[in-house]
Amino acid sequence: FFNSFLKTMPEDMHKAFHIMWQETTAETAHVVWKADPFIPL
């Protein structure tokens, strides 16, 4: 999955990555993020 995801990802998408919200508990984590303009959510 990640081989394909990284190969098809626009070159500068990782620079646009921004965490909008995250929460962790003992053994769980939830992250809401964006990489505008490529991935708005």
Full PDB file with SEQRES, HELIX, SHEET, SSBOND, CRYST1, ORIGX, SCALE, CONECT and MASTER records, all heavy atoms in Angstrom:
SEQRES   1 A   41  PHE PHE ASN SER PHE LEU LYS THR MET PRO GLU ASP MET          
SEQRES   2 A   41  HIS LYS ALA PHE HIS ILE MET TRP GLN GLU THR THR ALA          
SEQRES   3 A   41  GLU THR ALA HIS VAL VAL TRP LYS ALA ASP PRO PHE ILE          
SEQRES   4 A   41  PRO LEU                                                      
HELIX    1 AA1 PHE A    2  THR A    8  1                                   7    
HELIX    2 AA2 MET A   13  ALA A   16  1                                   4    
SHEET    1 AA1 2 PHE A  17  THR A  24  0                                        
SHEET    2 AA1 2 ALA A  29  ALA A  35 -1                                        
CRYST1    1.000    1.000    1.000  90.00  90.00  90.00 P 1           1          
ORIGX1      1.000000  0.000000  0.000000        0.00000                         
ORIGX2      0.000000  1.000000  0.000000        0.00000                         
ORIGX3      0.000000  0.000000  1.000000        0.00000                         
SCALE1      1.000000  0.000000  0.000000        0.00000                         
SCALE2      0.000000  1.000000  0.000000        0.00000                         
SCALE3      0.000000  0.000000  1.000000        0.00000                         
ATOM      1  N   PHE A   1       0.830  -1.205   0.000  1.00  0.00           N  
ATOM      2  CA  PHE A   1       0.000   0.000   0.000  1.00  0.00           C  
ATOM      3  C   PHE A   1       0.866   1.257   0.000  1.00  0.00           C  
ATOM      4  O   PHE A   1       0.672   2.149  -0.818  1.00  0.00           O  
ATOM      5  CB  PHE A   1      -0.933   0.030   1.218  1.00  0.00           C  
ATOM      6  CG  PHE A   1      -1.601   1.363   1.384  1.00  0.00           C  
ATOM      7  CD1 PHE A   1      -2.740   1.676   0.655  1.00  0.00           C  
ATOM      8  CD2 PHE A   1      -1.067   2.330   2.226  1.00  0.00           C  
ATOM      9  CE1 PHE A   1      -3.346   2.926   0.769  1.00  0.00           C  
ATOM     10  CE2 PHE A   1      -1.664   3.575   2.353  1.00  0.00           C  
ATOM     11  CZ  PHE A   1      -2.803   3.873   1.627  1.00  0.00           C  
ATOM     12  N   PHE A   2       1.827   1.333   0.926  1.00  0.00           N  
ATOM     13  CA  PHE A   2       2.618   2.553   1.046  1.00  0.00           C  
ATOM     14  C   PHE A   2       3.568   2.760  -0.135  1.00  0.00           C  
ATOM     15  O   PHE A   2       3.831   3.898  -0.512  1.00  0.00           O  
ATOM     16  CB  PHE A   2       3.371   2.595   2.377  1.00  0.00           C  
ATOM     17  CG  PHE A   2       2.498   3.060   3.501  1.00  0.00           C  
ATOM     18  CD1 PHE A   2       2.101   2.192   4.498  1.00  0.00           C  
ATOM     19  CD2 PHE A   2       2.054   4.373   3.564  1.00  0.00           C  
ATOM     20  CE1 PHE A   2       1.291   2.621   5.530  1.00  0.00           C  
ATOM     21  CE2 PHE A   2       1.238   4.819   4.589  1.00  0.00           C  
ATOM     22  CZ  PHE A   2       0.862   3.934   5.581  1.00  0.00           C  
ATOM     23  N   ASN A   3       4.073   1.691  -0.733  1.00  0.00           N  
ATOM     24  CA  ASN A   3       4.862   1.847  -1.961  1.00  0.00           C  
ATOM     25  C   ASN A   3       4.046   2.569  -3.016  1.00  0.00           C  
ATOM     26  O   ASN A   3       4.511   3.520  -3.648  1.00  0.00           O  
ATOM     27  CB  ASN A   3       5.327   0.489  -2.495  1.00  0.00           C  
ATOM     28  CG  ASN A   3       6.655   0.064  -1.968  1.00  0.00           C  
ATOM     29  OD1 ASN A   3       7.517   0.876  -1.684  1.00  0.00           O  
ATOM     30  ND2 ASN A   3       6.828  -1.242  -1.828  1.00  0.00           N  
ATOM     31  N   SER A   4       2.822   2.122  -3.218  1.00  0.00           N  
ATOM     32  CA  SER A   4       1.947   2.743  -4.202  1.00  0.00           C  
ATOM     33  C   SER A   4       1.585   4.165  -3.798  1.00  0.00           C  
ATOM     34  O   SER A   4       1.636   5.092  -4.620  1.00  0.00           O  
ATOM     35  CB  SER A   4       0.677   1.901  -4.365  1.00  0.00           C  
ATOM     36  OG  SER A   4      -0.218   2.535  -5.240  1.00  0.00           O  
ATOM     37  N   PHE A   5       1.222   4.359  -2.539  1.00  0.00           N  
ATOM     38  CA  PHE A   5       0.828   5.686  -2.056  1.00  0.00           C  
ATOM     39  C   PHE A   5       1.959   6.698  -2.229  1.00  0.00           C  
ATOM     40  O   PHE A   5       1.749   7.793  -2.746  1.00  0.00           O  
ATOM     41  CB  PHE A   5       0.412   5.597  -0.586  1.00  0.00           C  
ATOM     42  CG  PHE A   5      -0.060   6.900   0.006  1.00  0.00           C  
ATOM     43  CD1 PHE A   5      -1.315   7.394  -0.288  1.00  0.00           C  
ATOM     44  CD2 PHE A   5       0.755   7.622   0.862  1.00  0.00           C  
ATOM     45  CE1 PHE A   5      -1.756   8.597   0.262  1.00  0.00           C  
ATOM     46  CE2 PHE A   5       0.333   8.822   1.413  1.00  0.00           C  
ATOM     47  CZ  PHE A   5      -0.938   9.306   1.110  1.00  0.00           C  
ATOM     48  N   LEU A   6       3.159   6.331  -1.832  1.00  0.00           N  
ATOM     49  CA  LEU A   6       4.287   7.260  -1.930  1.00  0.00           C  
ATOM     50  C   LEU A   6       4.678   7.536  -3.381  1.00  0.00           C  
ATOM     51  O   LEU A   6       5.079   8.649  -3.717  1.00  0.00           O  
ATOM     52  CB  LEU A   6       5.486   6.742  -1.139  1.00  0.00           C  
ATOM     53  CG  LEU A   6       5.311   6.752   0.379  1.00  0.00           C  
ATOM     54  CD1 LEU A   6       6.480   6.044   1.063  1.00  0.00           C  
ATOM     55  CD2 LEU A   6       5.143   8.166   0.918  1.00  0.00           C  
ATOM     56  N   LYS A   7       4.564   6.537  -4.254  1.00  0.00           N  
ATOM     57  CA  LYS A   7       4.915   6.733  -5.661  1.00  0.00           C  
ATOM     58  C   LYS A   7       3.911   7.614  -6.389  1.00  0.00           C  
ATOM     59  O   LYS A   7       4.275   8.320  -7.325  1.00  0.00           O  
ATOM     60  CB  LYS A   7       5.027   5.385  -6.375  1.00  0.00           C  
ATOM     61  CG  LYS A   7       6.280   4.641  -6.032  1.00  0.00           C  
ATOM     62  CD  LYS A   7       6.346   3.311  -6.743  1.00  0.00           C  
ATOM     63  CE  LYS A   7       7.592   2.559  -6.315  1.00  0.00           C  
ATOM     64  NZ  LYS A   7       7.619   1.214  -6.892  1.00  0.00           N  
ATOM     65  N   THR A   8       2.649   7.564  -5.982  1.00  0.00           N  
ATOM     66  CA  THR A   8       1.619   8.342  -6.670  1.00  0.00           C  
ATOM     67  C   THR A   8       1.359   9.695  -6.010  1.00  0.00           C  
ATOM     68  O   THR A   8       0.627  10.514  -6.559  1.00  0.00           O  
ATOM     69  CB  THR A   8       0.296   7.558  -6.742  1.00  0.00           C  
ATOM     70  OG1 THR A   8      -0.145   7.260  -5.418  1.00  0.00           O  
ATOM     71  CG2 THR A   8       0.469   6.278  -7.542  1.00  0.00           C  
ATOM     72  N   MET A   9       1.954   9.920  -4.861  1.00  0.00           N  
ATOM     73  CA  MET A   9       1.768  11.173  -4.140  1.00  0.00           C  
ATOM     74  C   MET A   9       2.462  12.311  -4.890  1.00  0.00           C  
ATOM     75  O   MET A   9       3.595  12.148  -5.338  1.00  0.00           O  
ATOM     76  CB  MET A   9       2.379  11.005  -2.736  1.00  0.00           C  
ATOM     77  CG  MET A   9       2.200  12.183  -1.834  1.00  0.00           C  
ATOM     78  SD  MET A   9       2.753  11.813  -0.142  1.00  0.00           S  
ATOM     79  CE  MET A   9       4.520  11.720  -0.363  1.00  0.00           C  
ATOM     80  N   PRO A  10       1.790  13.452  -5.052  1.00  0.00           N  
ATOM     81  CA  PRO A  10       2.465  14.600  -5.672  1.00  0.00           C  
ATOM     82  C   PRO A  10       3.756  14.940  -4.929  1.00  0.00           C  
ATOM     83  O   PRO A  10       3.842  14.787  -3.703  1.00  0.00           O  
ATOM     84  CB  PRO A  10       1.441  15.728  -5.541  1.00  0.00           C  
ATOM     85  CG  PRO A  10       0.125  15.034  -5.439  1.00  0.00           C  
ATOM     86  CD  PRO A  10       0.405  13.759  -4.699  1.00  0.00           C  
ATOM     87  N   GLU A  11       4.748  15.397  -5.649  1.00  0.00           N  
ATOM     88  CA  GLU A  11       6.093  15.607  -5.101  1.00  0.00           C  
ATOM     89  C   GLU A  11       6.123  16.470  -3.843  1.00  0.00           C  
ATOM     90  O   GLU A  11       6.853  16.173  -2.905  1.00  0.00           O  
ATOM     91  CB  GLU A  11       6.986  16.230  -6.167  1.00  0.00           C  
ATOM     92  CG  GLU A  11       8.429  16.355  -5.740  1.00  0.00           C  
ATOM     93  CD  GLU A  11       9.299  16.883  -6.857  1.00  0.00           C  
ATOM     94  OE1 GLU A  11       9.048  16.525  -8.020  1.00  0.00           O  
ATOM     95  OE2 GLU A  11      10.226  17.640  -6.551  1.00  0.00           O  
ATOM     96  N   ASP A  12       5.345  17.522  -3.790  1.00  0.00           N  
ATOM     97  CA  ASP A  12       5.385  18.435  -2.646  1.00  0.00           C  
ATOM     98  C   ASP A  12       4.272  18.204  -1.636  1.00  0.00           C  
ATOM     99  O   ASP A  12       4.089  19.007  -0.720  1.00  0.00           O  
ATOM    100  CB  ASP A  12       5.332  19.885  -3.129  1.00  0.00           C  
ATOM    101  CG  ASP A  12       6.609  20.306  -3.811  1.00  0.00           C  
ATOM    102  OD1 ASP A  12       7.665  19.701  -3.522  1.00  0.00           O  
ATOM    103  OD2 ASP A  12       6.566  21.235  -4.635  1.00  0.00           O  
ATOM    104  N   MET A  13       3.539  17.109  -1.763  1.00  0.00           N  
ATOM    105  CA  MET A  13       2.420  16.894  -0.854  1.00  0.00           C  
ATOM    106  C   MET A  13       2.872  16.802   0.598  1.00  0.00           C  
ATOM    107  O   MET A  13       2.220  17.337   1.490  1.00  0.00           O  
ATOM    108  CB  MET A  13       1.628  15.653  -1.227  1.00  0.00           C  
ATOM    109  CG  MET A  13       0.325  15.565  -0.444  1.00  0.00           C  
ATOM    110  SD  MET A  13      -0.667  14.155  -0.907  1.00  0.00           S  
ATOM    111  CE  MET A  13      -0.123  12.984   0.319  1.00  0.00           C  
ATOM    112  N   HIS A  14       3.986  16.140   0.860  1.00  0.00           N  
ATOM    113  CA  HIS A  14       4.438  15.987   2.248  1.00  0.00           C  
ATOM    114  C   HIS A  14       4.735  17.340   2.896  1.00  0.00           C  
ATOM    115  O   HIS A  14       4.583  17.508   4.094  1.00  0.00           O  
ATOM    116  CB  HIS A  14       5.648  15.053   2.334  1.00  0.00           C  
ATOM    117  CG  HIS A  14       6.896  15.607   1.741  1.00  0.00           C  
ATOM    118  ND1 HIS A  14       7.096  15.677   0.383  1.00  0.00           N  
ATOM    119  CD2 HIS A  14       7.986  16.131   2.323  1.00  0.00           C  
ATOM    120  CE1 HIS A  14       8.271  16.223   0.155  1.00  0.00           C  
ATOM    121  NE2 HIS A  14       8.835  16.520   1.307  1.00  0.00           N  
ATOM    122  N   LYS A  15       5.117  18.330   2.082  1.00  0.00           N  
ATOM    123  CA  LYS A  15       5.372  19.668   2.618  1.00  0.00           C  
ATOM    124  C   LYS A  15       4.069  20.368   3.012  1.00  0.00           C  
ATOM    125  O   LYS A  15       4.080  21.268   3.846  1.00  0.00           O  
ATOM    126  CB  LYS A  15       6.127  20.519   1.597  1.00  0.00           C  
ATOM    127  CG  LYS A  15       7.533  20.026   1.339  1.00  0.00           C  
ATOM    128  CD  LYS A  15       8.210  20.866   0.279  1.00  0.00           C  
ATOM    129  CE  LYS A  15       9.588  20.308  -0.054  1.00  0.00           C  
ATOM    130  NZ  LYS A  15      10.213  21.044  -1.147  1.00  0.00           N  
ATOM    131  N   ALA A  16       2.968  19.967   2.405  1.00  0.00           N  
ATOM    132  CA  ALA A  16       1.670  20.579   2.692  1.00  0.00           C  
ATOM    133  C   ALA A  16       0.952  19.896   3.859  1.00  0.00           C  
ATOM    134  O   ALA A  16      -0.091  20.372   4.301  1.00  0.00           O  
ATOM    135  CB  ALA A  16       0.791  20.517   1.443  1.00  0.00           C  
ATOM    136  N   PHE A  17       1.513  18.812   4.381  1.00  0.00           N  
ATOM    137  CA  PHE A  17       0.878  18.052   5.455  1.00  0.00           C  
ATOM    138  C   PHE A  17       0.730  18.911   6.709  1.00  0.00           C  
ATOM    139  O   PHE A  17       1.675  19.550   7.161  1.00  0.00           O  
ATOM    140  CB  PHE A  17       1.713  16.804   5.770  1.00  0.00           C  
ATOM    141  CG  PHE A  17       1.142  15.969   6.878  1.00  0.00           C  
ATOM    142  CD1 PHE A  17       0.120  15.077   6.623  1.00  0.00           C  
ATOM    143  CD2 PHE A  17       1.633  16.086   8.171  1.00  0.00           C  
ATOM    144  CE1 PHE A  17      -0.410  14.305   7.645  1.00  0.00           C  
ATOM    145  CE2 PHE A  17       1.109  15.317   9.198  1.00  0.00           C  
ATOM    146  CZ  PHE A  17       0.086  14.426   8.933  1.00  0.00           C  
ATOM    147  N   HIS A  18      -0.486  18.907   7.263  1.00  0.00           N  
ATOM    148  CA  HIS A  18      -0.765  19.687   8.472  1.00  0.00           C  
ATOM    149  C   HIS A  18      -1.782  18.928   9.336  1.00  0.00           C  
ATOM    150  O   HIS A  18      -2.848  18.534   8.831  1.00  0.00           O  
ATOM    151  CB  HIS A  18      -1.319  21.061   8.105  1.00  0.00           C  
ATOM    152  CG  HIS A  18      -1.810  21.842   9.271  1.00  0.00           C  
ATOM    153  ND1 HIS A  18      -0.961  22.437  10.178  1.00  0.00           N  
ATOM    154  CD2 HIS A  18      -3.069  22.105   9.692  1.00  0.00           C  
ATOM    155  CE1 HIS A  18      -1.670  23.040  11.112  1.00  0.00           C  
ATOM    156  NE2 HIS A  18      -2.953  22.860  10.828  1.00  0.00           N  
ATOM    157  N   ILE A  19      -1.456  18.715  10.584  1.00  0.00           N  
ATOM    158  CA  ILE A  19      -2.395  18.072  11.507  1.00  0.00           C  
ATOM    159  C   ILE A  19      -3.384  19.125  11.993  1.00  0.00           C  
ATOM    160  O   ILE A  19      -2.991  20.157  12.536  1.00  0.00           O  
ATOM    161  CB  ILE A  19      -1.657  17.424  12.686  1.00  0.00           C  
ATOM    162  CG1 ILE A  19      -0.796  16.271  12.178  1.00  0.00           C  
ATOM    163  CG2 ILE A  19      -2.660  16.941  13.741  1.00  0.00           C  
ATOM    164  CD1 ILE A  19       0.071  15.633  13.237  1.00  0.00           C  
ATOM    165  N   MET A  20      -4.654  18.858  11.782  1.00  0.00           N  
ATOM    166  CA  MET A  20      -5.702  19.767  12.237  1.00  0.00           C  
ATOM    167  C   MET A  20      -6.135  19.435  13.659  1.00  0.00           C  
ATOM    168  O   MET A  20      -6.522  20.314  14.412  1.00  0.00           O  
ATOM    169  CB  MET A  20      -6.898  19.711  11.276  1.00  0.00           C  
ATOM    170  CG  MET A  20      -6.497  20.162   9.881  1.00  0.00           C  
ATOM    171  SD  MET A  20      -7.728  20.073   8.548  1.00  0.00           S  
ATOM    172  CE  MET A  20      -9.103  19.216   9.129  1.00  0.00           C  
ATOM    173  N   TRP A  21      -6.079  18.134  14.016  1.00  0.00           N  
ATOM    174  CA  TRP A  21      -6.506  17.712  15.351  1.00  0.00           C  
ATOM    175  C   TRP A  21      -5.950  16.318  15.602  1.00  0.00           C  
ATOM    176  O   TRP A  21      -5.899  15.498  14.694  1.00  0.00           O  
ATOM    177  CB  TRP A  21      -8.036  17.688  15.420  1.00  0.00           C  
ATOM    178  CG  TRP A  21      -8.600  17.312  16.733  1.00  0.00           C  
ATOM    179  CD1 TRP A  21      -8.765  18.112  17.819  1.00  0.00           C  
ATOM    180  CD2 TRP A  21      -9.094  16.025  17.124  1.00  0.00           C  
ATOM    181  NE1 TRP A  21      -9.326  17.405  18.855  1.00  0.00           N  
ATOM    182  CE2 TRP A  21      -9.537  16.113  18.444  1.00  0.00           C  
ATOM    183  CE3 TRP A  21      -9.191  14.792  16.468  1.00  0.00           C  
ATOM    184  CZ2 TRP A  21     -10.078  15.045  19.136  1.00  0.00           C  
ATOM    185  CZ3 TRP A  21      -9.725  13.723  17.158  1.00  0.00           C  
ATOM    186  CH2 TRP A  21     -10.171  13.852  18.477  1.00  0.00           C  
ATOM    187  N   GLN A  22      -5.525  16.078  16.826  1.00  0.00           N  
ATOM    188  CA  GLN A  22      -5.149  14.716  17.200  1.00  0.00           C  
ATOM    189  C   GLN A  22      -5.438  14.495  18.669  1.00  0.00           C  
ATOM    190  O   GLN A  22      -5.419  15.424  19.469  1.00  0.00           O  
ATOM    191  CB  GLN A  22      -3.686  14.404  16.881  1.00  0.00           C  
ATOM    192  CG  GLN A  22      -2.678  14.976  17.834  1.00  0.00           C  
ATOM    193  CD  GLN A  22      -1.264  14.585  17.445  1.00  0.00           C  
ATOM    194  OE1 GLN A  22      -0.899  14.613  16.278  1.00  0.00           O  
ATOM    195  NE2 GLN A  22      -0.463  14.224  18.412  1.00  0.00           N  
ATOM    196  N   GLU A  23      -5.739  13.250  18.990  1.00  0.00           N  
ATOM    197  CA  GLU A  23      -6.033  12.873  20.370  1.00  0.00           C  
ATOM    198  C   GLU A  23      -5.463  11.480  20.609  1.00  0.00           C  
ATOM    199  O   GLU A  23      -5.546  10.611  19.732  1.00  0.00           O  
ATOM    200  CB  GLU A  23      -7.542  12.877  20.599  1.00  0.00           C  
ATOM    201  CG  GLU A  23      -7.969  12.585  22.000  1.00  0.00           C  
ATOM    202  CD  GLU A  23      -7.587  13.687  22.995  1.00  0.00           C  
ATOM    203  OE1 GLU A  23      -7.611  14.870  22.611  1.00  0.00           O  
ATOM    204  OE2 GLU A  23      -7.262  13.354  24.147  1.00  0.00           O  
ATOM    205  N   THR A  24      -4.875  11.285  21.755  1.00  0.00           N  
ATOM    206  CA  THR A  24      -4.370   9.964  22.119  1.00  0.00           C  
ATOM    207  C   THR A  24      -4.935   9.564  23.471  1.00  0.00           C  
ATOM    208  O   THR A  24      -5.233  10.402  24.317  1.00  0.00           O  
ATOM    209  CB  THR A  24      -2.833   9.933  22.203  1.00  0.00           C  
ATOM    210  OG1 THR A  24      -2.399  10.882  23.172  1.00  0.00           O  
ATOM    211  CG2 THR A  24      -2.198  10.219  20.867  1.00  0.00           C  
ATOM    212  N   THR A  25      -5.109   8.263  23.628  1.00  0.00           N  
ATOM    213  CA  THR A  25      -5.435   7.680  24.918  1.00  0.00           C  
ATOM    214  C   THR A  25      -4.356   6.646  25.176  1.00  0.00           C  
ATOM    215  O   THR A  25      -3.337   6.633  24.488  1.00  0.00           O  
ATOM    216  CB  THR A  25      -6.834   7.046  24.923  1.00  0.00           C  
ATOM    217  OG1 THR A  25      -6.848   5.981  23.970  1.00  0.00           O  
ATOM    218  CG2 THR A  25      -7.913   8.055  24.597  1.00  0.00           C  
ATOM    219  N   ALA A  26      -4.593   5.775  26.101  1.00  0.00           N  
ATOM    220  CA  ALA A  26      -3.560   4.801  26.471  1.00  0.00           C  
ATOM    221  C   ALA A  26      -2.989   4.066  25.261  1.00  0.00           C  
ATOM    222  O   ALA A  26      -1.783   4.071  25.050  1.00  0.00           O  
ATOM    223  CB  ALA A  26      -4.112   3.806  27.485  1.00  0.00           C  
ATOM    224  N   GLU A  27      -3.841   3.452  24.455  1.00  0.00           N  
ATOM    225  CA  GLU A  27      -3.359   2.658  23.324  1.00  0.00           C  
ATOM    226  C   GLU A  27      -3.981   3.053  21.993  1.00  0.00           C  
ATOM    227  O   GLU A  27      -3.853   2.314  21.015  1.00  0.00           O  
ATOM    228  CB  GLU A  27      -3.616   1.166  23.562  1.00  0.00           C  
ATOM    229  CG  GLU A  27      -2.760   0.577  24.651  1.00  0.00           C  
ATOM    230  CD  GLU A  27      -2.956  -0.918  24.781  1.00  0.00           C  
ATOM    231  OE1 GLU A  27      -4.124  -1.363  24.886  1.00  0.00           O  
ATOM    232  OE2 GLU A  27      -1.947  -1.637  24.770  1.00  0.00           O  
ATOM    233  N   THR A  28      -4.633   4.197  21.924  1.00  0.00           N  
ATOM    234  CA  THR A  28      -5.250   4.613  20.679  1.00  0.00           C  
ATOM    235  C   THR A  28      -4.863   6.045  20.337  1.00  0.00           C  
ATOM    236  O   THR A  28      -4.507   6.835  21.211  1.00  0.00           O  
ATOM    237  CB  THR A  28      -6.793   4.526  20.732  1.00  0.00           C  
ATOM    238  OG1 THR A  28      -7.283   5.426  21.736  1.00  0.00           O  
ATOM    239  CG2 THR A  28      -7.257   3.113  21.022  1.00  0.00           C  
ATOM    240  N   ALA A  29      -4.939   6.341  19.054  1.00  0.00           N  
ATOM    241  CA  ALA A  29      -4.704   7.705  18.581  1.00  0.00           C  
ATOM    242  C   ALA A  29      -5.620   7.957  17.392  1.00  0.00           C  
ATOM    243  O   ALA A  29      -5.895   7.052  16.598  1.00  0.00           O  
ATOM    244  CB  ALA A  29      -3.245   7.892  18.171  1.00  0.00           C  
ATOM    245  N   HIS A  30      -6.079   9.186  17.289  1.00  0.00           N  
ATOM    246  CA  HIS A  30      -6.899   9.604  16.166  1.00  0.00           C  
ATOM    247  C   HIS A  30      -6.313  10.911  15.651  1.00  0.00           C  
ATOM    248  O   HIS A  30      -6.040  11.822  16.430  1.00  0.00           O  
ATOM    249  CB  HIS A  30      -8.358   9.792  16.569  1.00  0.00           C  
ATOM    250  CG  HIS A  30      -9.238  10.194  15.434  1.00  0.00           C  
ATOM    251  ND1 HIS A  30      -9.556   9.326  14.408  1.00  0.00           N  
ATOM    252  CD2 HIS A  30      -9.838  11.359  15.138  1.00  0.00           C  
ATOM    253  CE1 HIS A  30     -10.339   9.958  13.545  1.00  0.00           C  
ATOM    254  NE2 HIS A  30     -10.518  11.191  13.961  1.00  0.00           N  
ATOM    255  N   VAL A  31      -6.120  10.989  14.333  1.00  0.00           N  
ATOM    256  CA  VAL A  31      -5.515  12.164  13.722  1.00  0.00           C  
ATOM    257  C   VAL A  31      -6.393  12.616  12.557  1.00  0.00           C  
ATOM    258  O   VAL A  31      -6.781  11.806  11.707  1.00  0.00           O  
ATOM    259  CB  VAL A  31      -4.090  11.854  13.194  1.00  0.00           C  
ATOM    260  CG1 VAL A  31      -3.473  13.087  12.564  1.00  0.00           C  
ATOM    261  CG2 VAL A  31      -3.211  11.307  14.307  1.00  0.00           C  
ATOM    262  N   VAL A  32      -6.691  13.902  12.530  1.00  0.00           N  
ATOM    263  CA  VAL A  32      -7.381  14.523  11.393  1.00  0.00           C  
ATOM    264  C   VAL A  32      -6.374  15.480  10.778  1.00  0.00           C  
ATOM    265  O   VAL A  32      -5.772  16.289  11.487  1.00  0.00           O  
ATOM    266  CB  VAL A  32      -8.657  15.275  11.837  1.00  0.00           C  
ATOM    267  CG1 VAL A  32      -9.326  15.945  10.643  1.00  0.00           C  
ATOM    268  CG2 VAL A  32      -9.615  14.324  12.548  1.00  0.00           C  
ATOM    269  N   TRP A  33      -6.166  15.371   9.475  1.00  0.00           N  
ATOM    270  CA  TRP A  33      -5.092  16.124   8.829  1.00  0.00           C  
ATOM    271  C   TRP A  33      -5.508  16.572   7.438  1.00  0.00           C  
ATOM    272  O   TRP A  33      -6.550  16.179   6.930  1.00  0.00           O  
ATOM    273  CB  TRP A  33      -3.822  15.279   8.771  1.00  0.00           C  
ATOM    274  CG  TRP A  33      -4.004  13.933   8.111  1.00  0.00           C  
ATOM    275  CD1 TRP A  33      -4.428  12.780   8.708  1.00  0.00           C  
ATOM    276  CD2 TRP A  33      -3.792  13.616   6.733  1.00  0.00           C  
ATOM    277  NE1 TRP A  33      -4.490  11.764   7.778  1.00  0.00           N  
ATOM    278  CE2 TRP A  33      -4.093  12.248   6.563  1.00  0.00           C  
ATOM    279  CE3 TRP A  33      -3.368  14.346   5.639  1.00  0.00           C  
ATOM    280  CZ2 TRP A  33      -3.987  11.608   5.344  1.00  0.00           C  
ATOM    281  CZ3 TRP A  33      -3.261  13.713   4.409  1.00  0.00           C  
ATOM    282  CH2 TRP A  33      -3.570  12.347   4.277  1.00  0.00           C  
ATOM    283  N   LYS A  34      -4.667  17.394   6.844  1.00  0.00           N  
ATOM    284  CA  LYS A  34      -4.879  17.813   5.465  1.00  0.00           C  
ATOM    285  C   LYS A  34      -3.515  18.035   4.818  1.00  0.00           C  
ATOM    286  O   LYS A  34      -2.494  18.158   5.504  1.00  0.00           O  
ATOM    287  CB  LYS A  34      -5.714  19.092   5.389  1.00  0.00           C  
ATOM    288  CG  LYS A  34      -5.060  20.307   6.009  1.00  0.00           C  
ATOM    289  CD  LYS A  34      -5.974  21.505   5.925  1.00  0.00           C  
ATOM    290  CE  LYS A  34      -5.341  22.711   6.605  1.00  0.00           C  
ATOM    291  NZ  LYS A  34      -6.191  23.892   6.497  1.00  0.00           N  
ATOM    292  N   ALA A  35      -3.523  18.097   3.503  1.00  0.00           N  
ATOM    293  CA  ALA A  35      -2.335  18.423   2.711  1.00  0.00           C  
ATOM    294  C   ALA A  35      -2.829  19.218   1.509  1.00  0.00           C  
ATOM    295  O   ALA A  35      -2.831  18.742   0.379  1.00  0.00           O  
ATOM    296  CB  ALA A  35      -1.581  17.174   2.294  1.00  0.00           C  
ATOM    297  N   ASP A  36      -3.310  20.410   1.787  1.00  0.00           N  
ATOM    298  CA  ASP A  36      -3.867  21.274   0.740  1.00  0.00           C  
ATOM    299  C   ASP A  36      -2.806  21.659  -0.270  1.00  0.00           C  
ATOM    300  O   ASP A  36      -1.680  21.928   0.106  1.00  0.00           O  
ATOM    301  CB  ASP A  36      -4.464  22.550   1.351  1.00  0.00           C  
ATOM    302  CG  ASP A  36      -5.869  22.351   1.884  1.00  0.00           C  
ATOM    303  OD1 ASP A  36      -6.577  21.463   1.373  1.00  0.00           O  
ATOM    304  OD2 ASP A  36      -6.248  23.094   2.797  1.00  0.00           O  
ATOM    305  N   PRO A  37      -3.141  21.667  -1.527  1.00  0.00           N  
ATOM    306  CA  PRO A  37      -4.450  21.496  -2.148  1.00  0.00           C  
ATOM    307  C   PRO A  37      -4.730  20.064  -2.572  1.00  0.00           C  
ATOM    308  O   PRO A  37      -5.761  19.784  -3.174  1.00  0.00           O  
ATOM    309  CB  PRO A  37      -4.362  22.397  -3.376  1.00  0.00           C  
ATOM    310  CG  PRO A  37      -2.928  22.245  -3.810  1.00  0.00           C  
ATOM    311  CD  PRO A  37      -2.143  22.127  -2.521  1.00  0.00           C  
ATOM    312  N   PHE A  38      -3.845  19.146  -2.248  1.00  0.00           N  
ATOM    313  CA  PHE A  38      -3.953  17.763  -2.725  1.00  0.00           C  
ATOM    314  C   PHE A  38      -5.007  16.955  -1.966  1.00  0.00           C  
ATOM    315  O   PHE A  38      -5.791  16.232  -2.566  1.00  0.00           O  
ATOM    316  CB  PHE A  38      -2.605  17.059  -2.616  1.00  0.00           C  
ATOM    317  CG  PHE A  38      -1.462  17.884  -3.122  1.00  0.00           C  
ATOM    318  CD1 PHE A  38      -0.579  18.490  -2.236  1.00  0.00           C  
ATOM    319  CD2 PHE A  38      -1.273  18.090  -4.474  1.00  0.00           C  
ATOM    320  CE1 PHE A  38       0.473  19.255  -2.686  1.00  0.00           C  
ATOM    321  CE2 PHE A  38      -0.224  18.867  -4.946  1.00  0.00           C  
ATOM    322  CZ  PHE A  38       0.654  19.460  -4.046  1.00  0.00           C  
ATOM    323  N   ILE A  39      -4.969  17.034  -0.648  1.00  0.00           N  
ATOM    324  CA  ILE A  39      -5.888  16.297   0.207  1.00  0.00           C  
ATOM    325  C   ILE A  39      -6.467  17.281   1.221  1.00  0.00           C  
ATOM    326  O   ILE A  39      -5.797  17.632   2.191  1.00  0.00           O  
ATOM    327  CB  ILE A  39      -5.187  15.124   0.927  1.00  0.00           C  
ATOM    328  CG1 ILE A  39      -4.621  14.140  -0.088  1.00  0.00           C  
ATOM    329  CG2 ILE A  39      -6.158  14.422   1.872  1.00  0.00           C  
ATOM    330  CD1 ILE A  39      -3.822  13.003   0.521  1.00  0.00           C  
ATOM    331  N   PRO A  40      -7.704  17.738   1.011  1.00  0.00           N  
ATOM    332  CA  PRO A  40      -8.279  18.685   1.953  1.00  0.00           C  
ATOM    333  C   PRO A  40      -8.725  18.050   3.273  1.00  0.00           C  
ATOM    334  O   PRO A  40      -8.956  18.758   4.242  1.00  0.00           O  
ATOM    335  CB  PRO A  40      -9.465  19.287   1.203  1.00  0.00           C  
ATOM    336  CG  PRO A  40      -9.794  18.305   0.141  1.00  0.00           C  
ATOM    337  CD  PRO A  40      -8.535  17.564  -0.185  1.00  0.00           C  
ATOM    338  N   LEU A  41      -8.803  16.716   3.305  1.00  0.00           N  
ATOM    339  CA  LEU A  41      -9.196  16.042   4.537  1.00  0.00           C  
ATOM    340  C   LEU A  41      -8.669  14.614   4.542  1.00  0.00           C  
ATOM    341  O   LEU A  41      -8.865  13.865   3.586  1.00  0.00           O  
ATOM    342  CB  LEU A  41     -10.724  16.023   4.689  1.00  0.00           C  
ATOM    343  CG  LEU A  41     -11.254  15.303   5.925  1.00  0.00           C  
ATOM    344  CD1 LEU A  41     -10.796  16.026   7.203  1.00  0.00           C  
ATOM    345  CD2 LEU A  41     -12.770  15.221   5.883  1.00  0.00           C  
TER     346      LEU A  41                                                      
MASTER        0    0    0    2    2    0    0    6  345    1    0    4          
END                                                                             
